Amino acid sequence: MSDQEEKPPVFSSWKGWYVLVMSVALVQLIIYFLITNSFR
């Protein structure tokens, strides 16, 4: 086995994927909040 770290696809580091996932989750939360308030 090699000692090199596995590089993530698309982004240059895994931090990029973490930021993307958290951003998508935050956007979904905001959308669900707005939908819920519109049907009250």
C-alpha atoms as a PDB file:
ATOM      1  CA  MET A   1       0.000   0.000   0.000  1.00  0.00           C
ATOM      2  CA  SER A   2       1.144   3.550  -0.636  1.00  0.00           C
ATOM      3  CA  ASP A   3       1.319   6.249   2.013  1.00  0.00           C
ATOM      4  CA  GLN A   4      -0.308   8.842  -0.245  1.00  0.00           C
ATOM      5  CA  GLU A   5      -3.652  10.226   0.824  1.00  0.00           C
ATOM      6  CA  GLU A   6      -6.584   9.525  -1.451  1.00  0.00           C
ATOM      7  CA  LYS A   7      -7.594  12.687  -3.322  1.00  0.00           C
ATOM      8  CA  PRO A   8     -11.297  13.504  -3.470  1.00  0.00           C
ATOM      9  CA  PRO A   9     -13.000  13.748  -6.854  1.00  0.00           C
ATOM     10  CA  VAL A  10     -13.912  17.219  -8.218  1.00  0.00           C
ATOM     11  CA  PHE A  11     -12.600  19.354  -5.323  1.00  0.00           C
ATOM     12  CA  SER A  12      -8.954  19.739  -4.326  1.00  0.00           C
ATOM     13  CA  SER A  13      -9.667  18.676  -0.738  1.00  0.00           C
ATOM     14  CA  TRP A  14     -12.333  16.948   1.329  1.00  0.00           C
ATOM     15  CA  LYS A  15     -13.145  20.290   2.970  1.00  0.00           C
ATOM     16  CA  GLY A  16     -14.791  21.348  -0.288  1.00  0.00           C
ATOM     17  CA  TRP A  17     -17.179  18.411  -0.086  1.00  0.00           C
ATOM     18  CA  TYR A  18     -18.025  19.177   3.550  1.00  0.00           C
ATOM     19  CA  VAL A  19     -18.816  22.796   2.673  1.00  0.00           C
ATOM     20  CA  LEU A  20     -20.966  21.695  -0.284  1.00  0.00           C
ATOM     21  CA  VAL A  21     -22.965  19.209   1.797  1.00  0.00           C
ATOM     22  CA  MET A  22     -23.547  21.686   4.615  1.00  0.00           C
ATOM     23  CA  SER A  23     -24.570  24.395   2.127  1.00  0.00           C
ATOM     24  CA  VAL A  24     -27.094  22.113   0.427  1.00  0.00           C
ATOM     25  CA  ALA A  25     -28.512  21.106   3.823  1.00  0.00           C
ATOM     26  CA  LEU A  26     -28.843  24.766   4.838  1.00  0.00           C
ATOM     27  CA  VAL A  27     -30.574  25.684   1.573  1.00  0.00           C
ATOM     28  CA  GLN A  28     -33.010  22.784   2.003  1.00  0.00           C
ATOM     29  CA  LEU A  29     -33.744  23.877   5.568  1.00  0.00           C
ATOM     30  CA  ILE A  30     -34.528  27.416   4.409  1.00  0.00           C
ATOM     31  CA  ILE A  31     -36.748  26.154   1.572  1.00  0.00           C
ATOM     32  CA  TYR A  32     -38.686  23.848   3.910  1.00  0.00           C
ATOM     33  CA  PHE A  33     -39.093  26.695   6.399  1.00  0.00           C
ATOM     34  CA  LEU A  34     -40.493  29.011   3.708  1.00  0.00           C
ATOM     35  CA  ILE A  35     -42.859  26.311   2.393  1.00  0.00           C
ATOM     36  CA  THR A  36     -44.103  25.551   5.901  1.00  0.00           C
ATOM     37  CA  ASN A  37     -44.769  29.218   6.642  1.00  0.00           C
ATOM     38  CA  SER A  38     -46.622  29.745   3.375  1.00  0.00           C
ATOM     39  CA  PHE A  39     -49.201  27.051   4.259  1.00  0.00           C
ATOM     40  CA  ARG A  40     -49.938  28.179   7.814  1.00  0.00           C
END
